[in-house]
Protein backbone atom coordinates (compact mmCIF):
# COMPACT_ATOMS: atom_id res chain seq x y z
CA MET A 1 -0.02 0.02 0.00
CA LYS A 2 2.88 2.40 0.86
CA SER A 3 4.44 1.83 -2.42
CA SER A 4 1.33 2.82 -4.42
CA VAL A 5 0.59 5.84 -2.24
CA LEU A 6 4.16 6.95 -2.83
CA ASN A 7 3.85 6.59 -6.65
CA GLY A 8 0.83 8.75 -6.45
CA LEU A 9 2.58 11.41 -5.02
CA LEU A 10 4.56 11.75 -8.36
CA LEU A 11 1.57 11.37 -10.32
CA ALA A 12 -0.86 14.01 -8.94
CA THR A 13 -3.06 14.74 -11.58
CA GLY A 14 -5.80 17.70 -12.37
CA MET A 15 -9.26 17.35 -10.81
CA THR A 16 -12.69 18.62 -11.97
CA ILE A 17 -12.66 22.35 -12.46
CA ALA A 18 -14.95 24.35 -10.15
CA SER A 19 -16.98 26.98 -11.91
CA THR A 20 -16.50 30.10 -9.83
CA THR A 21 -13.75 32.61 -10.81
CA PHE A 22 -12.07 34.97 -8.76
CA VAL A 23 -10.68 38.28 -9.94
CA GLY A 24 -8.20 40.00 -7.69
CA ALA A 25 -4.63 39.81 -6.91
CA HIS A 26 -4.61 36.15 -7.89
CA GLY A 27 -6.00 37.18 -11.29
CA ASP A 28 -8.31 34.77 -12.87
CA VAL A 29 -8.38 32.01 -10.78
CA LYS A 30 -10.57 28.67 -11.19
CA PRO A 31 -10.33 26.67 -8.02
CA GLN A 32 -10.19 23.08 -8.80
CA ALA A 33 -12.12 20.52 -6.72
CA VAL A 34 -9.97 17.94 -4.91
CA ASP A 35 -10.90 14.31 -4.68
CA THR A 36 -10.31 13.21 -0.90
CA ALA A 37 -11.31 9.73 -1.24
CA GLY A 38 -9.45 7.27 0.86
CA LEU A 39 -9.26 10.09 3.63
CA PRO A 40 -11.10 9.92 7.10
CA GLU A 41 -14.05 12.51 6.67
CA ASN A 42 -13.97 15.50 9.25
CA GLY A 43 -17.55 16.61 8.99
CA GLU A 44 -18.82 20.13 8.52
CA GLU A 45 -17.65 21.71 11.84
CA TRP A 46 -14.14 23.19 11.13
CA LEU A 47 -11.33 21.68 13.15
CA THR A 48 -8.58 24.01 14.58
CA GLU A 49 -5.80 21.11 14.25
CA ASN A 50 -4.75 18.90 11.62
CA PRO A 51 -6.31 15.54 11.85
CA TYR A 52 -4.13 13.87 9.25
CA ARG A 53 -0.86 13.86 11.14
CA THR A 54 0.87 10.46 11.59
CA GLU A 55 0.31 10.43 15.27
CA ALA A 56 -3.37 10.63 14.63
CA VAL A 57 -4.16 8.39 11.54
CA GLY A 58 -1.11 6.23 11.17
CA GLN A 59 1.48 6.46 8.31
CA ASP A 60 -0.72 5.18 5.59
CA VAL A 61 -3.29 7.78 6.06
CA TRP A 62 -0.81 10.45 6.42
CA LEU A 63 0.85 9.20 3.12
CA LYS A 64 -2.50 9.37 1.39
CA ALA A 65 -2.97 12.96 2.79
CA VAL A 66 0.41 13.93 1.37
CA GLU A 67 -0.62 12.59 -1.98
CA ILE A 68 -4.04 14.26 -2.08
CA GLY A 69 -2.42 17.59 -0.67
CA ALA A 70 0.17 17.44 -3.27
CA SER A 71 -2.39 17.62 -6.07
CA GLY A 72 -4.52 20.00 -4.22
CA TYR A 73 -1.88 22.48 -3.57
CA ASN A 74 -0.44 22.41 -6.96
CA GLN A 75 -3.95 22.88 -8.72
CA ASN A 76 -4.91 25.66 -6.46
CA CYS A 77 -2.01 27.33 -4.64
CA ALA A 78 1.26 26.90 -6.50
CA ARG A 79 0.48 29.91 -8.69
CA CYS A 80 1.07 32.23 -6.03
CA HIS A 81 2.84 30.40 -3.19
CA GLY A 82 5.13 28.61 -5.53
CA LEU A 83 6.15 25.20 -6.87
CA GLU A 84 7.03 22.79 -3.77
CA VAL A 85 5.83 25.57 -1.57
CA VAL A 86 8.78 27.58 -2.47
CA SER A 87 7.54 31.14 -2.49
CA GLY A 88 8.96 33.48 -5.04
CA GLY A 89 7.99 36.48 -2.93
CA LEU A 90 4.60 37.06 -4.41
CA ALA A 91 2.92 35.38 -1.05
CA PRO A 92 4.20 34.26 2.08
CA ASP A 93 6.33 31.06 2.10
CA LEU A 94 4.14 28.60 3.64
CA ARG A 95 7.03 26.18 4.50
CA PHE A 96 7.64 28.14 7.63
CA LEU A 97 4.14 27.84 9.21
CA GLU A 98 4.50 25.94 12.34
CA ALA A 99 3.19 22.51 12.33
CA GLU A 100 1.26 22.76 15.55
CA GLU A 101 -2.17 24.03 16.60
CA TYR A 102 -1.21 27.90 16.41
CA GLY A 103 -0.08 27.47 12.93
CA ASP A 104 -3.18 25.31 11.92
CA GLU A 105 -5.57 28.07 13.09
CA TRP A 106 -3.95 30.77 11.08
CA TYR A 107 -3.89 28.34 8.12
CA VAL A 108 -7.58 27.19 8.32
CA GLU A 109 -8.84 30.89 8.76
CA ARG A 110 -7.17 32.11 5.67
CA PHE A 111 -8.11 29.04 3.81
CA ARG A 112 -11.72 29.29 4.84
CA ASP A 113 -12.29 33.15 4.45
CA GLY A 114 -9.56 34.22 2.23
CA TYR A 115 -7.78 37.52 2.82
CA THR A 116 -8.42 40.99 1.58
CA GLN A 117 -6.40 44.06 2.04
CA ASN A 118 -7.43 47.66 1.13
CA GLY A 119 -10.26 46.41 -0.84
CA THR A 120 -8.09 43.91 -2.97
CA THR A 121 -8.39 40.24 -2.64
CA LYS A 122 -4.90 38.81 -1.78
CA MET A 123 -6.35 35.43 -1.43
CA PRO A 124 -9.80 33.83 -2.28
CA ALA A 125 -11.88 32.09 0.24
CA PHE A 126 -11.46 28.30 -0.49
CA GLY A 127 -13.39 26.91 2.28
CA GLU A 128 -16.97 26.33 0.88
CA LEU A 129 -15.53 25.19 -2.29
CA LEU A 130 -12.97 22.71 -1.59
CA GLY A 131 -14.16 21.61 2.04
CA GLN A 132 -12.16 20.92 5.20
CA ASP A 133 -11.02 17.65 4.00
CA ALA A 134 -8.92 18.99 1.18
CA ALA A 135 -7.79 21.83 3.24
CA TRP A 136 -6.12 19.54 5.95
CA ALA A 137 -4.68 17.29 3.02
CA ILE A 138 -3.09 20.40 1.63
CA ARG A 139 -1.90 21.63 4.97
CA THR A 140 -0.30 18.11 5.50
CA TYR A 141 1.44 18.60 2.21
CA ILE A 142 2.65 21.82 3.05
CA GLU A 143 4.14 21.22 6.24
CA THR A 144 6.08 18.22 5.20
CA ARG A 145 8.14 20.25 2.61
CA PRO A 146 11.85 19.83 3.18
CA ASP A 147 14.33 22.25 3.70
CA SER A 148 16.12 23.19 0.86
CA ASP A 149 19.34 23.83 2.30
CA ALA A 150 19.22 20.32 3.86
CA MET A 151 18.60 18.82 0.43
CA GLU A 152 21.59 20.81 -1.04
CA ALA A 153 24.03 19.00 1.53
CA VAL A 154 23.00 15.44 0.31
CA VAL A 155 22.18 15.99 -3.49
CA ASP A 156 25.54 14.70 -4.64
CA GLU A 157 25.16 11.45 -2.55
CA LEU A 158 21.54 11.27 -3.81
CA LYS A 159 22.65 11.40 -7.54
CA GLU A 160 25.18 8.79 -7.02
CA LEU A 161 22.59 6.55 -5.34
CA ARG A 162 20.19 7.13 -8.21
CA ASP A 163 22.41 6.10 -10.95
CA LEU A 164 23.08 3.09 -8.82
CA ILE A 165 19.36 2.09 -8.50
CA ALA A 166 18.79 2.88 -11.96
CA GLY A 167 21.44 0.10 -13.06
CA TYR A 168 19.74 -2.34 -10.59
CA ALA A 169 16.52 -1.66 -12.39
CA GLU A 170 18.20 -3.12 -15.46
CA ASN A 171 20.32 -5.95 -13.68
CA ALA A 172 19.90 -6.46 -10.10
CA THR A 173 23.28 -8.55 -9.69
CA GLY A 174 24.80 -7.58 -6.45
CA ALA A 175 22.09 -5.23 -5.31
CA ASP A 176 21.35 -4.91 -1.47
CA ALA A 177 17.91 -3.81 -1.12
CA ASP A 178 18.02 -3.54 2.40
CA ALA A 179 21.60 -1.64 2.40
CA LEU A 180 19.91 0.94 0.01
CA LYS A 181 16.79 1.50 1.90
CA ALA A 182 18.80 1.75 5.01
CA ARG A 183 21.14 4.62 3.50
CA LEU A 184 18.20 6.49 1.86
CA THR A 185 16.35 6.37 5.04
CA VAL A 186 19.61 7.66 7.11
CA ILE A 187 19.68 10.59 4.45
CA SER A 188 15.98 11.27 4.63
CA GLU A 189 16.39 11.57 8.41
CA SER A 190 18.86 14.30 8.18
CA ILE A 191 16.62 16.35 6.00
CA GLU A 192 14.30 18.37 8.49
CA THR A 193 11.27 20.43 7.68
CA LEU A 194 11.04 24.19 7.91
CA SER A 195 7.76 23.78 9.78
CA GLY A 196 8.82 21.58 12.70
CA ALA A 197 6.97 18.51 11.46
CA PRO A 198 8.93 15.33 12.20
CA VAL A 199 9.24 13.84 8.95
CA ALA A 200 10.27 15.65 5.46
CA ASP A 201 8.49 14.07 2.34
CA SER A 202 11.86 14.29 0.68
CA VAL A 203 12.66 12.51 -2.50
CA ALA A 204 15.28 10.41 -0.21
CA PHE A 205 12.18 9.50 2.09
CA ARG A 206 9.91 8.57 -0.96
CA ALA A 207 12.74 6.38 -2.69
CA ALA A 208 13.56 4.67 0.39
CA ASN A 209 9.89 3.75 0.84
CA LEU A 210 9.67 2.50 -2.89
CA ILE A 211 12.59 -0.28 -2.81
CA ASP A 212 11.49 -3.80 -2.37
CA GLY A 213 14.15 -5.63 -4.37
CA THR A 214 12.11 -5.73 -7.49
CA PRO A 215 13.10 -4.24 -10.89
CA GLU A 216 10.02 -2.22 -10.83
CA ALA A 217 10.69 -0.73 -7.47
CA TYR A 218 14.17 0.17 -8.38
CA ARG A 219 12.92 1.75 -11.41
CA ALA A 220 10.13 3.65 -9.35
CA ALA A 221 12.69 4.91 -6.99
CA ALA A 222 15.34 5.89 -9.76
CA GLU A 223 12.42 7.95 -11.45
CA THR A 224 11.45 9.40 -8.00
CA LEU A 225 15.10 10.62 -7.38
CA THR A 226 15.33 11.88 -11.16
CA ILE A 227 12.11 13.98 -10.94
CA GLY A 228 12.99 15.27 -7.32
CA LEU A 229 16.48 16.21 -7.52
CA PRO A 230 16.36 18.85 -10.27
CA ALA A 231 14.10 20.96 -7.82
CA THR A 232 16.81 21.35 -5.21
CA HIS A 233 18.94 23.37 -7.47
């Protein structure tokens, strides 16, 4: 199950386009619905703390929330807040929003109600359009973004491992899946989040969880690293 969910993180695709159009600082924005199937439902009353953290729902549901949140974020938020949540200065860099109740309260208020300054819409209200399950999935994705500086420190080793793993996808002679998983896990544990969340959803973390000794898994892990590493530069 974990491998399929991790693969889904890389294959997040577009959802049905909602009909409402916002005009303001965001320009013409068409919020896109987020398919939250597979996540526990949170009801209509809005929570003030992220319900999809590992300690509350376990790793499998957390991974699913990150997967769905990645799609929801890229469809609705990346335009202003930046790809991989790395802001270009147009909007706040949400990677620094604390992964605790204080940060959750600020986030959910902005998500639900939007933000207007001097009569100009800086952020449209997404609450009624997307719902709180989508809101918390996006929040889960945001808070697990890795520290770019920490990624820079390990990028060369990850490139070497990627090339090695790609070779094992074609010929696994001499491959030690357990050793590769262990090394990637150690690397992933050295990569922190900027939010204070305990686990960074880095490419090292994803690749480590994909490897199971099969050619298909080696190929998926190599592709994960290939796709993810350029974003660290």
